[in-house]
Structure formats: structure tokens, C-alpha cells
Protein backbone atom coordinates (compact mmCIF):
# COMPACT_ATOMS: atom_id res chain seq x y z
CA MET A 1 0.59 76.89 94.97
CA GLU A 2 -1.02 78.18 91.76
CA ASN A 3 2.36 79.35 90.52
CA LYS A 4 3.85 75.89 91.12
CA ILE A 5 1.00 74.24 89.17
CA TYR A 6 1.38 76.79 86.37
CA GLU A 7 5.17 76.16 86.23
CA LEU A 8 4.59 72.40 86.12
CA LEU A 9 2.07 72.81 83.30
CA LEU A 10 4.48 75.00 81.33
CA GLU A 11 7.24 72.43 81.85
CA MET A 12 4.94 69.62 80.71
CA LYS A 13 3.93 71.66 77.67
CA LYS A 14 7.58 72.20 76.77
CA GLU A 15 8.37 68.50 77.21
CA ILE A 16 5.41 67.51 75.03
CA LYS A 17 6.51 70.02 72.37
CA ASP A 18 10.07 68.64 72.43
CA GLU A 19 8.81 65.06 72.21
CA PHE A 20 6.60 66.02 69.28
CA LYS A 21 9.55 67.65 67.48
CA THR A 22 11.67 64.54 68.07
CA LEU A 23 8.90 62.28 66.81
CA HIS A 24 8.38 64.51 63.77
CA LYS A 25 12.12 64.34 62.95
CA ARG A 26 12.05 60.55 63.22
CA ILE A 27 9.06 60.34 60.90
CA ASP A 28 10.80 62.61 58.38
CA GLY A 29 13.90 60.41 58.61
CA LEU A 30 11.87 57.27 57.99
CA GLU A 31 10.14 58.89 55.01
CA ASN A 32 13.51 59.84 53.52
CA GLN A 33 14.86 56.32 54.05
CA THR A 34 11.76 54.83 52.44
CA LEU A 35 11.94 57.15 49.43
CA HIS A 36 15.64 56.40 49.04
CA GLY A 37 14.89 52.68 49.21
CA PHE A 38 12.18 53.01 46.56
CA ARG A 39 14.55 54.93 44.28
CA GLU A 40 17.26 52.31 44.69
CA THR A 41 14.79 49.50 44.00
CA LYS A 42 13.49 51.31 40.91
CA LEU A 43 17.03 51.81 39.59
CA HIS A 44 17.84 48.16 40.28
CA ILE A 45 14.76 47.04 38.34
CA GLU A 46 15.59 49.40 35.46
CA ASN A 47 19.15 48.04 35.32
CA ARG A 48 17.88 44.46 35.34
CA ASN A 49 15.52 45.29 32.49
CA LYS A 50 18.38 46.83 30.50
CA GLU A 51 20.48 43.71 31.11
CA LYS A 52 17.60 41.53 29.93
CA ASP A 53 17.16 43.65 26.81
CA LEU A 54 20.88 43.37 26.04
CA MET A 55 20.75 39.60 26.55
CA ILE A 56 17.73 39.33 24.24
CA ASP A 57 19.53 41.38 21.56
CA PHE A 58 22.63 39.20 21.93
CA MET A 59 20.60 35.99 21.62
CA GLN A 60 18.72 37.34 18.59
CA ASP A 61 22.05 38.14 16.92
CA LYS A 62 23.27 34.62 17.67
CA ILE A 63 20.11 33.11 16.21
CA THR A 64 20.48 35.25 13.08
CA ASP A 65 24.10 34.12 12.72
CA LEU A 66 23.10 30.47 13.11
CA GLU A 67 20.31 30.84 10.56
CA ARG A 68 22.74 32.45 8.11
CA LYS A 69 25.30 29.64 8.64
CA TYR A 70 22.60 27.01 8.24
CA TYR A 71 21.48 28.64 4.98
CA GLU A 72 25.08 28.77 3.70
CA LEU A 73 25.69 25.13 4.61
CA SER A 74 22.47 24.01 2.99
CA LYS A 75 23.44 25.83 -0.20
CA LYS A 76 26.87 24.15 -0.18
CA LEU A 77 25.26 20.76 0.30
CA GLU A 78 22.95 21.35 -2.65
CA ASN A 79 25.91 21.93 -4.94
């Protein structure tokens, strides 16, 4: 009888250990997915910021061109 109880306890211990390992692997997998998601989000934000910076530069160039043309036209009108 004692041997049967001991065998059952060993079997339960093994099952608990296996379940713990499985749970630990799932947690590791979720951590990796979360970190990957954070990295992708960070890259997406960085790319959006670069696009915004390029758009600002483009618009500033356009404004400079318009100011130059306005100045040239005003000079022509003065003459």
C-alpha cells in the first residue's frame, strides 16, 4: 500500500514538473512575442517620424521657393 502511494506521489510530482515546464515555455513565448511587438511598434514610430521630418523639409523648401518667387515678382513689379 505504501509503495502504491509513493508511486502515485512520484507520478504526481512528475506531472506537476511537466506542467510547470509547459507553463514556463508558454510564458517565455509570450514574452518573446511582446518584445517583438514592442520592437515593431518602435520601428513603426521611428519610420513615421522620419516621414514627418521629410515632409517638413519638403514643405520648408516649397515655402522658400514661394518666398523667392514672390520677391522676384515684387522686384519686377517695382520696375
